Amino acid sequence: MADFTLELQPRSVTGKKVNQLRRDGLVPVTVYGPKINPLTLQVAYRPLEVVLMKAGGTNLIDLTAEGQTVTVLAREVQRDPIKGRIRHVDFFAIDQTSTIRIDVPVHLIGESPAVNQGRGILLQGANTLTIEVLPSKMLHSIEVDLSKLVDVTHSIHVSDLNLGPDVVIINEPEEMIVRVSQSSAARAEEDLEAAEAGVIEPEVIGRGKSDEDEIDD
């Protein structure tokens, strides 16, 4: 059983006529999948909004209509471009025996010593990763530990992650998730210390006359 449930009703209205449904506080819904015929349904706006807000695209939802239940994932949510209200939702009916691909958010946890000490700033690359997994093994988030970023230039890439034998990451192994870059303040401080230590030589603007350049009178 999924963590979230929704009660829906069959829908006979299609095309432009669905605008009347929306005015009545209902949202048109389509359910599709590899082992079912597409279903056209409708659902009350507020319960749908609440479930989508909590479930996102990584939690299973049980849709019930006329006594039948289908377990789904929210695949596409169409919204009004101005008001942001939900206009239509596509749900994907899952097969518990087949793997699915989902986009999972990356959550950064812990703290980077290099950043805490002011030696660098944190730069994040990928904030979601695409994984392939059985529905029963789905992840709702992927945690990345920043405490491993001890020094400037340290980084974490997809290839550094181990999500277990049940999860396949589709992203390229070299894709960067997060790294530490030297901050401008730290770089300026290093340059100043080097200058004071005489490491940085004065810039040569031009060359004066040498003895060889002298012309005898």
C-alpha atoms as a PDB file:
ATOM      1  CA  MET A   1       0.000   0.000   0.000  1.00  0.00           C
ATOM      2  CA  ALA A   2       1.251   3.482  -0.887  1.00  0.00           C
ATOM      3  CA  ASP A   3       1.802   6.227   1.676  1.00  0.00           C
ATOM      4  CA  PHE A   4      -0.712   8.518  -0.049  1.00  0.00           C
ATOM      5  CA  THR A   5      -4.243   7.945  -1.354  1.00  0.00           C
ATOM      6  CA  LEU A   6      -6.683   9.830  -3.569  1.00  0.00           C
ATOM      7  CA  GLU A   7     -10.335   9.189  -4.316  1.00  0.00           C
ATOM      8  CA  LEU A   8     -11.260   9.960  -7.929  1.00  0.00           C
ATOM      9  CA  GLN A   9     -14.274   9.682 -10.207  1.00  0.00           C
ATOM     10  CA  PRO A  10     -14.580   8.579 -13.842  1.00  0.00           C
ATOM     11  CA  ARG A  11     -14.535  11.437 -16.352  1.00  0.00           C
ATOM     12  CA  SER A  12     -16.551  11.553 -19.556  1.00  0.00           C
ATOM     13  CA  VAL A  13     -15.799  15.187 -20.384  1.00  0.00           C
ATOM     14  CA  THR A  14     -12.827  15.830 -22.683  1.00  0.00           C
ATOM     15  CA  GLY A  15     -11.403  18.585 -24.871  1.00  0.00           C
ATOM     16  CA  LYS A  16     -12.367  22.187 -24.214  1.00  0.00           C
ATOM     17  CA  LYS A  17     -15.313  21.104 -22.072  1.00  0.00           C
ATOM     18  CA  VAL A  18     -12.927  20.292 -19.204  1.00  0.00           C
ATOM     19  CA  ASN A  19     -12.797  24.029 -18.450  1.00  0.00           C
ATOM     20  CA  GLN A  20     -16.218  23.650 -16.870  1.00  0.00           C
ATOM     21  CA  LEU A  21     -14.791  20.944 -14.605  1.00  0.00           C
ATOM     22  CA  ARG A  22     -12.103  23.338 -13.454  1.00  0.00           C
ATOM     23  CA  ARG A  23     -14.689  26.013 -12.732  1.00  0.00           C
ATOM     24  CA  ASP A  24     -16.505  23.415 -10.609  1.00  0.00           C
ATOM     25  CA  GLY A  25     -13.357  22.812  -8.530  1.00  0.00           C
ATOM     26  CA  LEU A  26     -12.304  19.582 -10.273  1.00  0.00           C
ATOM     27  CA  VAL A  27      -9.079  18.657 -12.053  1.00  0.00           C
ATOM     28  CA  PRO A  28      -8.938  16.344 -15.108  1.00  0.00           C
ATOM     29  CA  VAL A  29      -6.545  13.432 -14.653  1.00  0.00           C
ATOM     30  CA  THR A  30      -5.081  10.802 -16.984  1.00  0.00           C
ATOM     31  CA  VAL A  31      -3.618   7.504 -15.786  1.00  0.00           C
ATOM     32  CA  TYR A  32      -1.438   5.465 -18.137  1.00  0.00           C
ATOM     33  CA  GLY A  33       1.054   2.639 -17.911  1.00  0.00           C
ATOM     34  CA  PRO A  34       2.530  -0.377 -19.714  1.00  0.00           C
ATOM     35  CA  LYS A  35      -0.068  -2.812 -18.390  1.00  0.00           C
ATOM     36  CA  ILE A  36      -3.293  -0.767 -18.300  1.00  0.00           C
ATOM     37  CA  ASN A  37      -5.486   1.023 -20.763  1.00  0.00           C
ATOM     38  CA  PRO A  38      -5.422   4.814 -20.248  1.00  0.00           C
ATOM     39  CA  LEU A  39      -7.955   6.053 -17.701  1.00  0.00           C
ATOM     40  CA  THR A  40      -9.643   9.455 -17.827  1.00  0.00           C
ATOM     41  CA  LEU A  41     -10.595  10.574 -14.320  1.00  0.00           C
ATOM     42  CA  GLN A  42     -11.342  13.691 -12.301  1.00  0.00           C
ATOM     43  CA  VAL A  43     -10.550  14.666  -8.736  1.00  0.00           C
ATOM     44  CA  ALA A  44     -11.369  17.472  -6.305  1.00  0.00           C
ATOM     45  CA  TYR A  45      -8.768  20.248  -6.451  1.00  0.00           C
ATOM     46  CA  ARG A  46      -7.738  20.596  -2.817  1.00  0.00           C
ATOM     47  CA  PRO A  47      -7.121  16.897  -1.972  1.00  0.00           C
ATOM     48  CA  LEU A  48      -5.075  16.600  -5.164  1.00  0.00           C
ATOM     49  CA  GLU A  49      -3.037  19.693  -4.329  1.00  0.00           C
ATOM     50  CA  VAL A  50      -2.230  18.397  -0.843  1.00  0.00           C
ATOM     51  CA  VAL A  51      -1.185  14.938  -2.038  1.00  0.00           C
ATOM     52  CA  LEU A  52       1.029  16.297  -4.823  1.00  0.00           C
ATOM     53  CA  MET A  53       2.692  18.719  -2.429  1.00  0.00           C
ATOM     54  CA  LYS A  54       3.572  15.893  -0.021  1.00  0.00           C
ATOM     55  CA  ALA A  55       4.257  13.042  -2.440  1.00  0.00           C
ATOM     56  CA  GLY A  56       6.112  14.917  -5.169  1.00  0.00           C
ATOM     57  CA  GLY A  57       7.382  12.666  -7.932  1.00  0.00           C
ATOM     58  CA  THR A  58       9.161  10.109  -5.744  1.00  0.00           C
ATOM     59  CA  ASN A  59       6.353   8.740  -3.546  1.00  0.00           C
ATOM     60  CA  LEU A  60       3.751   6.199  -4.578  1.00  0.00           C
ATOM     61  CA  ILE A  61       0.088   7.200  -4.576  1.00  0.00           C
ATOM     62  CA  ASP A  62      -2.917   4.859  -4.516  1.00  0.00           C
ATOM     63  CA  LEU A  63      -5.664   6.165  -6.789  1.00  0.00           C
ATOM     64  CA  THR A  64      -9.100   4.695  -6.088  1.00  0.00           C
ATOM     65  CA  ALA A  65     -12.021   4.995  -8.496  1.00  0.00           C
ATOM     66  CA  GLU A  66     -15.215   2.923  -8.446  1.00  0.00           C
ATOM     67  CA  GLY A  67     -13.742   0.403  -6.050  1.00  0.00           C
ATOM     68  CA  GLN A  68     -10.555  -0.218  -8.032  1.00  0.00           C
ATOM     69  CA  THR A  69      -7.115   0.944  -6.894  1.00  0.00           C
ATOM     70  CA  VAL A  70      -4.118   1.757  -9.068  1.00  0.00           C
ATOM     71  CA  THR A  71      -0.694   2.572  -7.626  1.00  0.00           C
ATOM     72  CA  VAL A  72       0.920   5.447  -9.469  1.00  0.00           C
ATOM     73  CA  LEU A  73       3.611   8.112  -9.585  1.00  0.00           C
ATOM     74  CA  ALA A  74       2.876  11.722 -10.521  1.00  0.00           C
ATOM     75  CA  ARG A  75       4.581  12.193 -13.891  1.00  0.00           C
ATOM     76  CA  GLU A  76       3.444  15.558 -15.249  1.00  0.00           C
ATOM     77  CA  VAL A  77       1.578  18.392 -13.581  1.00  0.00           C
ATOM     78  CA  GLN A  78       0.271  21.134 -15.871  1.00  0.00           C
ATOM     79  CA  ARG A  79      -0.302  24.504 -14.198  1.00  0.00           C
ATOM     80  CA  ASP A  80      -1.773  27.813 -15.187  1.00  0.00           C
ATOM     81  CA  PRO A  81       1.241  29.970 -16.192  1.00  0.00           C
ATOM     82  CA  ILE A  82      -0.140  33.032 -14.384  1.00  0.00           C
ATOM     83  CA  LYS A  83      -2.025  31.769 -11.345  1.00  0.00           C
ATOM     84  CA  GLY A  84      -0.057  28.554 -10.875  1.00  0.00           C
ATOM     85  CA  ARG A  85      -3.203  26.495 -10.333  1.00  0.00           C
ATOM     86  CA  ILE A  86      -3.183  22.813 -11.311  1.00  0.00           C
ATOM     87  CA  ARG A  87      -4.924  22.255 -14.643  1.00  0.00           C
ATOM     88  CA  HIS A  88      -4.162  18.616 -15.457  1.00  0.00           C
ATOM     89  CA  VAL A  89      -2.139  15.720 -14.054  1.00  0.00           C
ATOM     90  CA  ASP A  90      -0.671  12.651 -15.747  1.00  0.00           C
ATOM     91  CA  PHE A  91      -0.126   9.675 -13.430  1.00  0.00           C
ATOM     92  CA  PHE A  92       2.038   6.678 -14.354  1.00  0.00           C
ATOM     93  CA  ALA A  93       0.664   3.311 -13.233  1.00  0.00           C
ATOM     94  CA  ILE A  94       3.606   1.283 -11.971  1.00  0.00           C
ATOM     95  CA  ASP A  95       4.384  -2.401 -12.308  1.00  0.00           C
ATOM     96  CA  GLN A  96       5.867  -3.636  -9.042  1.00  0.00           C
ATOM     97  CA  THR A  97       8.013  -6.194 -10.910  1.00  0.00           C
ATOM     98  CA  SER A  98       9.594  -3.717 -13.344  1.00  0.00           C
ATOM     99  CA  THR A  99      12.174  -1.011 -12.718  1.00  0.00           C
ATOM    100  CA  ILE A 100      11.225   2.622 -13.234  1.00  0.00           C
ATOM    101  CA  ARG A 101      13.200   5.810 -13.784  1.00  0.00           C
ATOM    102  CA  ILE A 102      12.647   8.712 -11.436  1.00  0.00           C
ATOM    103  CA  ASP A 103      14.371  12.026 -10.712  1.00  0.00           C
ATOM    104  CA  VAL A 104      15.433  12.177  -7.071  1.00  0.00           C
ATOM    105  CA  PRO A 105      16.484  15.398  -5.288  1.00  0.00           C
ATOM    106  CA  VAL A 106      19.994  15.699  -3.854  1.00  0.00           C
ATOM    107  CA  HIS A 107      20.137  16.756  -0.193  1.00  0.00           C
ATOM    108  CA  LEU A 108      23.417  18.148   1.133  1.00  0.00           C
ATOM    109  CA  ILE A 109      24.113  17.160   4.733  1.00  0.00           C
ATOM    110  CA  GLY A 110      26.910  17.987   7.160  1.00  0.00           C
ATOM    111  CA  GLU A 111      29.423  20.798   6.777  1.00  0.00           C
ATOM    112  CA  SER A 112      32.591  21.216   4.752  1.00  0.00           C
ATOM    113  CA  PRO A 113      35.655  22.005   6.920  1.00  0.00           C
ATOM    114  CA  ALA A 114      37.173  24.016   4.054  1.00  0.00           C
ATOM    115  CA  VAL A 115      34.076  26.204   3.836  1.00  0.00           C
ATOM    116  CA  ASN A 116      33.708  26.576   7.618  1.00  0.00           C
ATOM    117  CA  GLN A 117      37.290  27.778   7.868  1.00  0.00           C
ATOM    118  CA  GLY A 118      36.673  30.418   5.208  1.00  0.00           C
ATOM    119  CA  ARG A 119      39.103  28.888   2.748  1.00  0.00           C
ATOM    120  CA  GLY A 120      36.525  28.166   0.092  1.00  0.00           C
ATOM    121  CA  ILE A 121      32.945  28.447  -1.073  1.00  0.00           C
ATOM    122  CA  LEU A 122      30.549  25.643  -1.902  1.00  0.00           C
ATOM    123  CA  LEU A 123      29.449  25.182  -5.508  1.00  0.00           C
ATOM    124  CA  GLN A 124      26.638  22.725  -6.277  1.00  0.00           C
ATOM    125  CA  GLY A 125      26.232  21.098  -9.670  1.00  0.00           C
ATOM    126  CA  ALA A 126      23.466  18.497  -9.978  1.00  0.00           C
ATOM    127  CA  ASN A 127      20.553  19.024  -7.587  1.00  0.00           C
ATOM    128  CA  THR A 128      18.638  15.993  -8.865  1.00  0.00           C
ATOM    129  CA  LEU A 129      19.799  12.600 -10.098  1.00  0.00           C
ATOM    130  CA  THR A 130      17.986  10.141 -12.331  1.00  0.00           C
ATOM    131  CA  ILE A 131      17.900   6.601 -10.967  1.00  0.00           C
ATOM    132  CA  GLU A 132      16.507   3.280 -12.139  1.00  0.00           C
ATOM    133  CA  VAL A 133      15.004   1.151  -9.386  1.00  0.00           C
ATOM    134  CA  LEU A 134      12.173  -1.190  -8.471  1.00  0.00           C
ATOM    135  CA  PRO A 135       9.158   0.633  -6.981  1.00  0.00           C
ATOM    136  CA  SER A 136       9.685  -1.137  -3.658  1.00  0.00           C
ATOM    137  CA  LYS A 137      13.269   0.189  -3.466  1.00  0.00           C
ATOM    138  CA  MET A 138      12.584   3.816  -4.429  1.00  0.00           C
ATOM    139  CA  LEU A 139      14.565   6.615  -2.822  1.00  0.00           C
ATOM    140  CA  HIS A 140      12.893   9.881  -1.857  1.00  0.00           C
ATOM    141  CA  SER A 141      16.190  11.768  -1.659  1.00  0.00           C
ATOM    142  CA  ILE A 142      19.935  11.213  -2.054  1.00  0.00           C
ATOM    143  CA  GLU A 143      22.079  12.477   0.808  1.00  0.00           C
ATOM    144  CA  VAL A 144      25.560  13.807   0.048  1.00  0.00           C
ATOM    145  CA  ASP A 145      27.906  14.312   3.016  1.00  0.00           C
ATOM    146  CA  LEU A 146      29.811  17.601   2.856  1.00  0.00           C
ATOM    147  CA  SER A 147      32.202  16.663   5.669  1.00  0.00           C
ATOM    148  CA  LYS A 148      34.325  14.876   3.059  1.00  0.00           C
ATOM    149  CA  LEU A 149      35.200  18.233   1.482  1.00  0.00           C
ATOM    150  CA  VAL A 150      38.182  18.910   3.736  1.00  0.00           C
ATOM    151  CA  ASP A 151      40.256  21.086   1.440  1.00  0.00           C
ATOM    152  CA  VAL A 152      39.890  23.553  -1.407  1.00  0.00           C
ATOM    153  CA  THR A 153      39.368  21.821  -4.801  1.00  0.00           C
ATOM    154  CA  HIS A 154      37.856  18.741  -3.104  1.00  0.00           C
ATOM    155  CA  SER A 155      34.728  17.582  -4.941  1.00  0.00           C
ATOM    156  CA  ILE A 156      32.083  14.873  -5.056  1.00  0.00           C
ATOM    157  CA  HIS A 157      30.988  13.374  -8.361  1.00  0.00           C
ATOM    158  CA  VAL A 158      28.338  10.838  -9.329  1.00  0.00           C
ATOM    159  CA  SER A 159      31.029   8.154  -9.431  1.00  0.00           C
ATOM    160  CA  ASP A 160      31.709   8.757  -5.709  1.00  0.00           C
ATOM    161  CA  LEU A 161      28.169   7.743  -4.693  1.00  0.00           C
ATOM    162  CA  ASN A 162      27.202   4.266  -3.531  1.00  0.00           C
ATOM    163  CA  LEU A 163      23.426   3.863  -3.390  1.00  0.00           C
ATOM    164  CA  GLY A 164      23.510   0.097  -3.028  1.00  0.00           C
ATOM    165  CA  PRO A 165      23.040  -2.793  -5.464  1.00  0.00           C
ATOM    166  CA  ASP A 166      19.336  -2.083  -6.055  1.00  0.00           C
ATOM    167  CA  VAL A 167      19.816   1.420  -7.475  1.00  0.00           C
ATOM    168  CA  VAL A 168      21.325   2.343 -10.845  1.00  0.00           C
ATOM    169  CA  ILE A 169      22.311   5.981 -11.389  1.00  0.00           C
ATOM    170  CA  ILE A 170      21.673   7.065 -14.975  1.00  0.00           C
ATOM    171  CA  ASN A 171      23.713  10.302 -14.820  1.00  0.00           C
ATOM    172  CA  GLU A 172      27.241  10.292 -16.217  1.00  0.00           C
ATOM    173  CA  PRO A 173      29.844   9.179 -13.622  1.00  0.00           C
ATOM    174  CA  GLU A 174      31.926  12.351 -14.107  1.00  0.00           C
ATOM    175  CA  GLU A 175      29.009  14.708 -13.428  1.00  0.00           C
ATOM    176  CA  MET A 176      29.845  17.023 -10.536  1.00  0.00           C
ATOM    177  CA  ILE A 177      27.472  17.172  -7.581  1.00  0.00           C
ATOM    178  CA  VAL A 178      29.333  19.574  -5.319  1.00  0.00           C
ATOM    179  CA  ARG A 179      32.828  21.021  -4.920  1.00  0.00           C
ATOM    180  CA  VAL A 180      34.782  23.588  -2.944  1.00  0.00           C
ATOM    181  CA  SER A 181      36.267  26.528  -4.815  1.00  0.00           C
ATOM    182  CA  GLN A 182      38.735  28.971  -3.308  1.00  0.00           C
ATOM    183  CA  SER A 183      36.986  32.125  -2.164  1.00  0.00           C
ATOM    184  CA  SER A 184      38.158  35.500  -3.453  1.00  0.00           C
ATOM    185  CA  ALA A 185      38.937  36.596   0.119  1.00  0.00           C
ATOM    186  CA  ALA A 186      41.137  33.568   0.719  1.00  0.00           C
ATOM    187  CA  ARG A 187      42.877  34.055  -2.622  1.00  0.00           C
ATOM    188  CA  ALA A 188      43.578  37.727  -1.861  1.00  0.00           C
ATOM    189  CA  GLU A 189      44.982  36.795   1.542  1.00  0.00           C
ATOM    190  CA  GLU A 190      47.317  34.225  -0.011  1.00  0.00           C
ATOM    191  CA  ASP A 191      48.525  36.748  -2.573  1.00  0.00           C
ATOM    192  CA  LEU A 192      49.217  39.275   0.177  1.00  0.00           C
ATOM    193  CA  GLU A 193      51.137  36.783   2.278  1.00  0.00           C
ATOM    194  CA  ALA A 194      53.182  35.737  -0.749  1.00  0.00           C
ATOM    195  CA  ALA A 195      53.976  39.375  -1.590  1.00  0.00           C
ATOM    196  CA  GLU A 196      55.072  40.094   1.969  1.00  0.00           C
ATOM    197  CA  ALA A 197      57.309  37.057   1.883  1.00  0.00           C
ATOM    198  CA  GLY A 198      58.929  38.296  -1.314  1.00  0.00           C
ATOM    199  CA  VAL A 199      57.609  35.425  -3.378  1.00  0.00           C
ATOM    200  CA  ILE A 200      55.900  37.680  -5.890  1.00  0.00           C
ATOM    201  CA  GLU A 201      58.444  39.659  -7.911  1.00  0.00           C
ATOM    202  CA  PRO A 202      57.723  43.226  -9.050  1.00  0.00           C
ATOM    203  CA  GLU A 203      56.223  43.409 -12.511  1.00  0.00           C
ATOM    204  CA  VAL A 204      58.665  44.644 -15.158  1.00  0.00           C
ATOM    205  CA  ILE A 205      57.058  47.513 -17.077  1.00  0.00           C
ATOM    206  CA  GLY A 206      59.948  48.341 -19.384  1.00  0.00           C
ATOM    207  CA  ARG A 207      63.665  47.731 -19.791  1.00  0.00           C
ATOM    208  CA  GLY A 208      66.104  50.553 -19.157  1.00  0.00           C
ATOM    209  CA  LYS A 209      69.270  51.157 -21.144  1.00  0.00           C
ATOM    210  CA  SER A 210      71.967  48.591 -20.673  1.00  0.00           C
ATOM    211  CA  ASP A 211      75.657  49.261 -21.129  1.00  0.00           C
ATOM    212  CA  GLU A 212      75.424  47.712 -24.562  1.00  0.00           C
ATOM    213  CA  ASP A 213      72.820  50.309 -25.489  1.00  0.00           C
ATOM    214  CA  GLU A 214      75.157  53.206 -24.666  1.00  0.00           C
ATOM    215  CA  ILE A 215      76.393  55.129 -27.742  1.00  0.00           C
ATOM    216  CA  ASP A 216      79.886  56.610 -27.449  1.00  0.00           C
ATOM    217  CA  ASP A 217      80.078  60.307 -28.176  1.00  0.00           C
END
